[in-house]
Amino acid sequence: MNHEFDIFCHNITWLRKKHNYTKKEMANLLGISIGSLNKIERGQIPPRMTTEVLNQACKHFDIPIHSLFGAHLGE
């Protein structure tokens, strides 16, 4: 996997933990299954993931999309 996807996976996990969301809550917020969220948190991009996941994360956390891929959040 490429570096940007590694950063994305880290940042989704970081956002969930920073805001104290359960995996179920975060999956619902992103519009994905818990299984897909688990894959993301393990550093894998689910095969059916759409850009809507990115839109939902950016909208909910009020961050620009490039923040999900540019650098590790929280560092």
PDB file of N, CA and C in Angstrom:
ATOM      1  N   MET A   1       0.856  -1.178   0.000  1.00  0.00           N
ATOM      2  CA  MET A   1       0.000   0.000   0.000  1.00  0.00           C
ATOM      3  C   MET A   1       0.897   1.234   0.000  1.00  0.00           C
ATOM      4  N   ASN A   2       0.383   2.336  -0.533  1.00  0.00           N
ATOM      5  CA  ASN A   2       1.232   3.515  -0.580  1.00  0.00           C
ATOM      6  C   ASN A   2       1.141   4.334   0.700  1.00  0.00           C
ATOM      7  N   HIS A   3       2.070   5.262   0.819  1.00  0.00           N
ATOM      8  CA  HIS A   3       2.230   6.063   2.031  1.00  0.00           C
ATOM      9  C   HIS A   3       0.965   6.847   2.378  1.00  0.00           C
ATOM     10  N   GLU A   4       0.299   7.428   1.390  1.00  0.00           N
ATOM     11  CA  GLU A   4      -0.904   8.216   1.652  1.00  0.00           C
ATOM     12  C   GLU A   4      -2.019   7.362   2.254  1.00  0.00           C
ATOM     13  N   PHE A   5      -2.153   6.125   1.787  1.00  0.00           N
ATOM     14  CA  PHE A   5      -3.168   5.237   2.354  1.00  0.00           C
ATOM     15  C   PHE A   5      -2.821   4.853   3.787  1.00  0.00           C
ATOM     16  N   ASP A   6      -1.524   4.665   4.071  1.00  0.00           N
ATOM     17  CA  ASP A   6      -1.096   4.388   5.444  1.00  0.00           C
ATOM     18  C   ASP A   6      -1.479   5.549   6.353  1.00  0.00           C
ATOM     19  N   ILE A   7      -1.249   6.764   5.888  1.00  0.00           N
ATOM     20  CA  ILE A   7      -1.593   7.959   6.663  1.00  0.00           C
ATOM     21  C   ILE A   7      -3.100   8.036   6.859  1.00  0.00           C
ATOM     22  N   PHE A   8      -3.869   7.796   5.800  1.00  0.00           N
ATOM     23  CA  PHE A   8      -5.327   7.810   5.900  1.00  0.00           C
ATOM     24  C   PHE A   8      -5.815   6.836   6.969  1.00  0.00           C
ATOM     25  N   CYS A   9      -5.317   5.610   6.932  1.00  0.00           N
ATOM     26  CA  CYS A   9      -5.743   4.591   7.893  1.00  0.00           C
ATOM     27  C   CYS A   9      -5.391   5.024   9.318  1.00  0.00           C
ATOM     28  N   HIS A  10      -4.203   5.541   9.507  1.00  0.00           N
ATOM     29  CA  HIS A  10      -3.798   6.040  10.824  1.00  0.00           C
ATOM     30  C   HIS A  10      -4.736   7.150  11.285  1.00  0.00           C
ATOM     31  N   ASN A  11      -5.040   8.079  10.390  1.00  0.00           N
ATOM     32  CA  ASN A  11      -5.844   9.245  10.766  1.00  0.00           C
ATOM     33  C   ASN A  11      -7.283   8.888  11.101  1.00  0.00           C
ATOM     34  N   ILE A  12      -7.854   7.942  10.405  1.00  0.00           N
ATOM     35  CA  ILE A  12      -9.214   7.496  10.745  1.00  0.00           C
ATOM     36  C   ILE A  12      -9.214   6.879  12.147  1.00  0.00           C
ATOM     37  N   THR A  13      -8.222   6.067  12.437  1.00  0.00           N
ATOM     38  CA  THR A  13      -8.113   5.467  13.767  1.00  0.00           C
ATOM     39  C   THR A  13      -7.908   6.549  14.822  1.00  0.00           C
ATOM     40  N   TRP A  14      -7.028   7.490  14.541  1.00  0.00           N
ATOM     41  CA  TRP A  14      -6.736   8.565  15.486  1.00  0.00           C
ATOM     42  C   TRP A  14      -7.991   9.395  15.771  1.00  0.00           C
ATOM     43  N   LEU A  15      -8.734   9.743  14.725  1.00  0.00           N
ATOM     44  CA  LEU A  15      -9.951  10.531  14.916  1.00  0.00           C
ATOM     45  C   LEU A  15     -10.963   9.784  15.784  1.00  0.00           C
ATOM     46  N   ARG A  16     -11.117   8.497  15.541  1.00  0.00           N
ATOM     47  CA  ARG A  16     -12.066   7.706  16.333  1.00  0.00           C
ATOM     48  C   ARG A  16     -11.679   7.715  17.805  1.00  0.00           C
ATOM     49  N   LYS A  17     -10.411   7.476  18.073  1.00  0.00           N
ATOM     50  CA  LYS A  17      -9.953   7.408  19.461  1.00  0.00           C
ATOM     51  C   LYS A  17      -9.954   8.788  20.119  1.00  0.00           C
ATOM     52  N   LYS A  18      -9.541   9.811  19.386  1.00  0.00           N
ATOM     53  CA  LYS A  18      -9.500  11.178  19.930  1.00  0.00           C
ATOM     54  C   LYS A  18     -10.885  11.639  20.372  1.00  0.00           C
ATOM     55  N   HIS A  19     -11.903  11.271  19.617  1.00  0.00           N
ATOM     56  CA  HIS A  19     -13.271  11.699  19.914  1.00  0.00           C
ATOM     57  C   HIS A  19     -14.054  10.651  20.707  1.00  0.00           C
ATOM     58  N   ASN A  20     -13.339   9.623  21.162  1.00  0.00           N
ATOM     59  CA  ASN A  20     -13.930   8.574  22.014  1.00  0.00           C
ATOM     60  C   ASN A  20     -15.146   7.892  21.397  1.00  0.00           C
ATOM     61  N   TYR A  21     -15.064   7.632  20.090  1.00  0.00           N
ATOM     62  CA  TYR A  21     -16.126   6.888  19.423  1.00  0.00           C
ATOM     63  C   TYR A  21     -15.835   5.397  19.516  1.00  0.00           C
ATOM     64  N   THR A  22     -16.882   4.629  19.708  1.00  0.00           N
ATOM     65  CA  THR A  22     -16.728   3.186  19.590  1.00  0.00           C
ATOM     66  C   THR A  22     -16.553   2.866  18.100  1.00  0.00           C
ATOM     67  N   LYS A  23     -16.142   1.654  17.822  1.00  0.00           N
ATOM     68  CA  LYS A  23     -16.031   1.255  16.411  1.00  0.00           C
ATOM     69  C   LYS A  23     -17.393   1.297  15.735  1.00  0.00           C
ATOM     70  N   LYS A  24     -18.422   0.907  16.458  1.00  0.00           N
ATOM     71  CA  LYS A  24     -19.768   0.933  15.887  1.00  0.00           C
ATOM     72  C   LYS A  24     -20.186   2.369  15.569  1.00  0.00           C
ATOM     73  N   GLU A  25     -19.942   3.285  16.489  1.00  0.00           N
ATOM     74  CA  GLU A  25     -20.299   4.692  16.257  1.00  0.00           C
ATOM     75  C   GLU A  25     -19.535   5.264  15.062  1.00  0.00           C
ATOM     76  N   MET A  26     -18.241   4.975  14.988  1.00  0.00           N
ATOM     77  CA  MET A  26     -17.433   5.512  13.890  1.00  0.00           C
ATOM     78  C   MET A  26     -17.856   4.908  12.560  1.00  0.00           C
ATOM     79  N   ALA A  27     -18.119   3.628  12.539  1.00  0.00           N
ATOM     80  CA  ALA A  27     -18.565   2.980  11.309  1.00  0.00           C
ATOM     81  C   ALA A  27     -19.877   3.600  10.832  1.00  0.00           C
ATOM     82  N   ASN A  28     -20.805   3.816  11.752  1.00  0.00           N
ATOM     83  CA  ASN A  28     -22.082   4.446  11.392  1.00  0.00           C
ATOM     84  C   ASN A  28     -21.872   5.854  10.857  1.00  0.00           C
ATOM     85  N   LEU A  29     -21.012   6.611  11.511  1.00  0.00           N
ATOM     86  CA  LEU A  29     -20.718   7.976  11.083  1.00  0.00           C
ATOM     87  C   LEU A  29     -20.167   8.001   9.652  1.00  0.00           C
ATOM     88  N   LEU A  30     -19.297   7.039   9.343  1.00  0.00           N
ATOM     89  CA  LEU A  30     -18.675   6.983   8.023  1.00  0.00           C
ATOM     90  C   LEU A  30     -19.542   6.275   6.984  1.00  0.00           C
ATOM     91  N   GLY A  31     -20.597   5.615   7.434  1.00  0.00           N
ATOM     92  CA  GLY A  31     -21.470   4.887   6.513  1.00  0.00           C
ATOM     93  C   GLY A  31     -20.877   3.587   6.015  1.00  0.00           C
ATOM     94  N   ILE A  32     -20.075   2.938   6.875  1.00  0.00           N
ATOM     95  CA  ILE A  32     -19.450   1.666   6.510  1.00  0.00           C
ATOM     96  C   ILE A  32     -19.733   0.635   7.595  1.00  0.00           C
ATOM     97  N   SER A  33     -19.412  -0.602   7.314  1.00  0.00           N
ATOM     98  CA  SER A  33     -19.595  -1.660   8.303  1.00  0.00           C
ATOM     99  C   SER A  33     -18.446  -1.636   9.308  1.00  0.00           C
ATOM    100  N   ILE A  34     -18.668  -2.287  10.439  1.00  0.00           N
ATOM    101  CA  ILE A  34     -17.590  -2.416  11.427  1.00  0.00           C
ATOM    102  C   ILE A  34     -16.435  -3.210  10.824  1.00  0.00           C
ATOM    103  N   GLY A  35     -16.743  -4.192  10.003  1.00  0.00           N
ATOM    104  CA  GLY A  35     -15.692  -4.968   9.332  1.00  0.00           C
ATOM    105  C   GLY A  35     -14.816  -4.094   8.456  1.00  0.00           C
ATOM    106  N   SER A  36     -15.441  -3.174   7.726  1.00  0.00           N
ATOM    107  CA  SER A  36     -14.656  -2.259   6.891  1.00  0.00           C
ATOM    108  C   SER A  36     -13.809  -1.323   7.745  1.00  0.00           C
ATOM    109  N   LEU A  37     -14.374  -0.847   8.843  1.00  0.00           N
ATOM    110  CA  LEU A  37     -13.596   0.004   9.746  1.00  0.00           C
ATOM    111  C   LEU A  37     -12.429  -0.774  10.333  1.00  0.00           C
ATOM    112  N   ASN A  38     -12.658  -2.018  10.696  1.00  0.00           N
ATOM    113  CA  ASN A  38     -11.564  -2.846  11.219  1.00  0.00           C
ATOM    114  C   ASN A  38     -10.446  -2.975  10.194  1.00  0.00           C
ATOM    115  N   LYS A  39     -10.809  -3.154   8.929  1.00  0.00           N
ATOM    116  CA  LYS A  39      -9.784  -3.234   7.879  1.00  0.00           C
ATOM    117  C   LYS A  39      -8.995  -1.945   7.801  1.00  0.00           C
ATOM    118  N   ILE A  40      -9.694  -0.827   7.822  1.00  0.00           N
ATOM    119  CA  ILE A  40      -9.011   0.470   7.764  1.00  0.00           C
ATOM    120  C   ILE A  40      -8.055   0.601   8.944  1.00  0.00           C
ATOM    121  N   GLU A  41      -8.520   0.231  10.125  1.00  0.00           N
ATOM    122  CA  GLU A  41      -7.675   0.364  11.304  1.00  0.00           C
ATOM    123  C   GLU A  41      -6.499  -0.606  11.302  1.00  0.00           C
ATOM    124  N   ARG A  42      -6.565  -1.633  10.484  1.00  0.00           N
ATOM    125  CA  ARG A  42      -5.431  -2.557  10.305  1.00  0.00           C
ATOM    126  C   ARG A  42      -4.540  -2.125   9.142  1.00  0.00           C
ATOM    127  N   GLY A  43      -4.870  -0.996   8.530  1.00  0.00           N
ATOM    128  CA  GLY A  43      -4.037  -0.491   7.443  1.00  0.00           C
ATOM    129  C   GLY A  43      -4.431  -0.981   6.070  1.00  0.00           C
ATOM    130  N   GLN A  44      -5.654  -1.476   5.919  1.00  0.00           N
ATOM    131  CA  GLN A  44      -6.129  -1.971   4.631  1.00  0.00           C
ATOM    132  C   GLN A  44      -7.284  -1.101   4.146  1.00  0.00           C
ATOM    133  N   ILE A  45      -7.348  -0.893   2.863  1.00  0.00           N
ATOM    134  CA  ILE A  45      -8.475  -0.163   2.287  1.00  0.00           C
ATOM    135  C   ILE A  45      -9.495  -1.191   1.796  1.00  0.00           C
ATOM    136  N   PRO A  46     -10.716  -1.143   2.328  1.00  0.00           N
ATOM    137  CA  PRO A  46     -11.742  -2.092   1.874  1.00  0.00           C
ATOM    138  C   PRO A  46     -12.007  -1.928   0.373  1.00  0.00           C
ATOM    139  N   PRO A  47     -12.224  -3.024  -0.335  1.00  0.00           N
ATOM    140  CA  PRO A  47     -12.377  -2.950  -1.790  1.00  0.00           C
ATOM    141  C   PRO A  47     -13.568  -2.129  -2.274  1.00  0.00           C
ATOM    142  N   ARG A  48     -14.591  -2.006  -1.474  1.00  0.00           N
ATOM    143  CA  ARG A  48     -15.786  -1.274  -1.915  1.00  0.00           C
ATOM    144  C   ARG A  48     -15.910   0.107  -1.274  1.00  0.00           C
ATOM    145  N   MET A  49     -14.841   0.593  -0.684  1.00  0.00           N
ATOM    146  CA  MET A  49     -14.895   1.906  -0.052  1.00  0.00           C
ATOM    147  C   MET A  49     -15.051   2.993  -1.109  1.00  0.00           C
ATOM    148  N   THR A  50     -15.913   3.950  -0.834  1.00  0.00           N
ATOM    149  CA  THR A  50     -16.161   5.029  -1.788  1.00  0.00           C
ATOM    150  C   THR A  50     -15.664   6.355  -1.221  1.00  0.00           C
ATOM    151  N   THR A  51     -15.685   7.360  -2.061  1.00  0.00           N
ATOM    152  CA  THR A  51     -15.281   8.694  -1.617  1.00  0.00           C
ATOM    153  C   THR A  51     -16.263   9.267  -0.600  1.00  0.00           C
ATOM    154  N   GLU A  52     -17.443   8.686  -0.503  1.00  0.00           N
ATOM    155  CA  GLU A  52     -18.411   9.159   0.490  1.00  0.00           C
ATOM    156  C   GLU A  52     -17.857   9.020   1.909  1.00  0.00           C
ATOM    157  N   VAL A  53     -17.020   8.005   2.138  1.00  0.00           N
ATOM    158  CA  VAL A  53     -16.382   7.838   3.443  1.00  0.00           C
ATOM    159  C   VAL A  53     -15.518   9.057   3.746  1.00  0.00           C
ATOM    160  N   LEU A  54     -14.763   9.504   2.761  1.00  0.00           N
ATOM    161  CA  LEU A  54     -13.919  10.689   2.936  1.00  0.00           C
ATOM    162  C   LEU A  54     -14.772  11.919   3.205  1.00  0.00           C
ATOM    163  N   ASN A  55     -15.823  12.073   2.427  1.00  0.00           N
ATOM    164  CA  ASN A  55     -16.723  13.219   2.602  1.00  0.00           C
ATOM    165  C   ASN A  55     -17.333  13.235   3.994  1.00  0.00           C
ATOM    166  N   GLN A  56     -17.789  12.086   4.458  1.00  0.00           N
ATOM    167  CA  GLN A  56     -18.409  11.998   5.778  1.00  0.00           C
ATOM    168  C   GLN A  56     -17.411  12.360   6.873  1.00  0.00           C
ATOM    169  N   ALA A  57     -16.195  11.841   6.791  1.00  0.00           N
ATOM    170  CA  ALA A  57     -15.174  12.130   7.803  1.00  0.00           C
ATOM    171  C   ALA A  57     -14.848  13.620   7.823  1.00  0.00           C
ATOM    172  N   CYS A  58     -14.642  14.192   6.651  1.00  0.00           N
ATOM    173  CA  CYS A  58     -14.285  15.610   6.571  1.00  0.00           C
ATOM    174  C   CYS A  58     -15.415  16.497   7.074  1.00  0.00           C
ATOM    175  N   LYS A  59     -16.614  16.166   6.702  1.00  0.00           N
ATOM    176  CA  LYS A  59     -17.782  16.940   7.119  1.00  0.00           C
ATOM    177  C   LYS A  59     -17.979  16.866   8.637  1.00  0.00           C
ATOM    178  N   HIS A  60     -17.947  15.663   9.172  1.00  0.00           N
ATOM    179  CA  HIS A  60     -18.207  15.479  10.597  1.00  0.00           C
ATOM    180  C   HIS A  60     -17.122  16.114  11.472  1.00  0.00           C
ATOM    181  N   PHE A  61     -15.851  15.924  11.089  1.00  0.00           N
ATOM    182  CA  PHE A  61     -14.749  16.418  11.909  1.00  0.00           C
ATOM    183  C   PHE A  61     -14.276  17.811  11.489  1.00  0.00           C
ATOM    184  N   ASP A  62     -14.941  18.375  10.480  1.00  0.00           N
ATOM    185  CA  ASP A  62     -14.641  19.723  10.001  1.00  0.00           C
ATOM    186  C   ASP A  62     -13.166  19.890   9.649  1.00  0.00           C
ATOM    187  N   ILE A  63     -12.695  18.988   8.791  1.00  0.00           N
ATOM    188  CA  ILE A  63     -11.306  19.036   8.336  1.00  0.00           C
ATOM    189  C   ILE A  63     -11.270  18.959   6.817  1.00  0.00           C
ATOM    190  N   PRO A  64     -10.261  19.554   6.199  1.00  0.00           N
ATOM    191  CA  PRO A  64     -10.132  19.437   4.745  1.00  0.00           C
ATOM    192  C   PRO A  64      -9.662  18.036   4.359  1.00  0.00           C
ATOM    193  N   ILE A  65     -10.055  17.604   3.186  1.00  0.00           N
ATOM    194  CA  ILE A  65      -9.747  16.233   2.758  1.00  0.00           C
ATOM    195  C   ILE A  65      -8.250  15.948   2.739  1.00  0.00           C
ATOM    196  N   HIS A  66      -7.449  16.935   2.377  1.00  0.00           N
ATOM    197  CA  HIS A  66      -6.004  16.689   2.318  1.00  0.00           C
ATOM    198  C   HIS A  66      -5.426  16.370   3.696  1.00  0.00           C
ATOM    199  N   SER A  67      -6.125  16.758   4.769  1.00  0.00           N
ATOM    200  CA  SER A  67      -5.660  16.438   6.120  1.00  0.00           C
ATOM    201  C   SER A  67      -5.677  14.953   6.400  1.00  0.00           C
ATOM    202  N   LEU A  68      -6.557  14.230   5.727  1.00  0.00           N
ATOM    203  CA  LEU A  68      -6.636  12.781   5.931  1.00  0.00           C
ATOM    204  C   LEU A  68      -5.469  12.042   5.292  1.00  0.00           C
ATOM    205  N   PHE A  69      -4.813  12.674   4.338  1.00  0.00           N
ATOM    206  CA  PHE A  69      -3.739  11.997   3.581  1.00  0.00           C
ATOM    207  C   PHE A  69      -2.367  12.647   3.717  1.00  0.00           C
ATOM    208  N   GLY A  70      -2.302  13.884   4.230  1.00  0.00           N
ATOM    209  CA  GLY A  70      -1.045  14.632   4.212  1.00  0.00           C
ATOM    210  C   GLY A  70      -0.058  14.291   5.289  1.00  0.00           C
ATOM    211  N   ALA A  71      -0.528  14.143   6.519  1.00  0.00           N
ATOM    212  CA  ALA A  71       0.366  13.863   7.648  1.00  0.00           C
ATOM    213  C   ALA A  71      -0.454  13.217   8.754  1.00  0.00           C
ATOM    214  N   HIS A  72       0.248  12.572   9.650  1.00  0.00           N
ATOM    215  CA  HIS A  72      -0.442  11.949  10.779  1.00  0.00           C
ATOM    216  C   HIS A  72      -1.051  13.032  11.650  1.00  0.00           C
ATOM    217  N   LEU A  73      -2.354  12.951  11.880  1.00  0.00           N
ATOM    218  CA  LEU A  73      -3.027  13.881  12.779  1.00  0.00           C
ATOM    219  C   LEU A  73      -2.575  13.610  14.203  1.00  0.00           C
ATOM    220  N   GLY A  74      -2.527  14.648  15.000  1.00  0.00           N
ATOM    221  CA  GLY A  74      -2.174  14.485  16.398  1.00  0.00           C
ATOM    222  C   GLY A  74      -0.694  14.440  16.693  1.00  0.00           C
ATOM    223  N   GLU A  75       0.111  14.624  15.665  1.00  0.00           N
ATOM    224  CA  GLU A  75       1.569  14.607  15.903  1.00  0.00           C
ATOM    225  C   GLU A  75       2.156  15.959  15.622  1.00  0.00           C
TER     226      GLU A  75
END
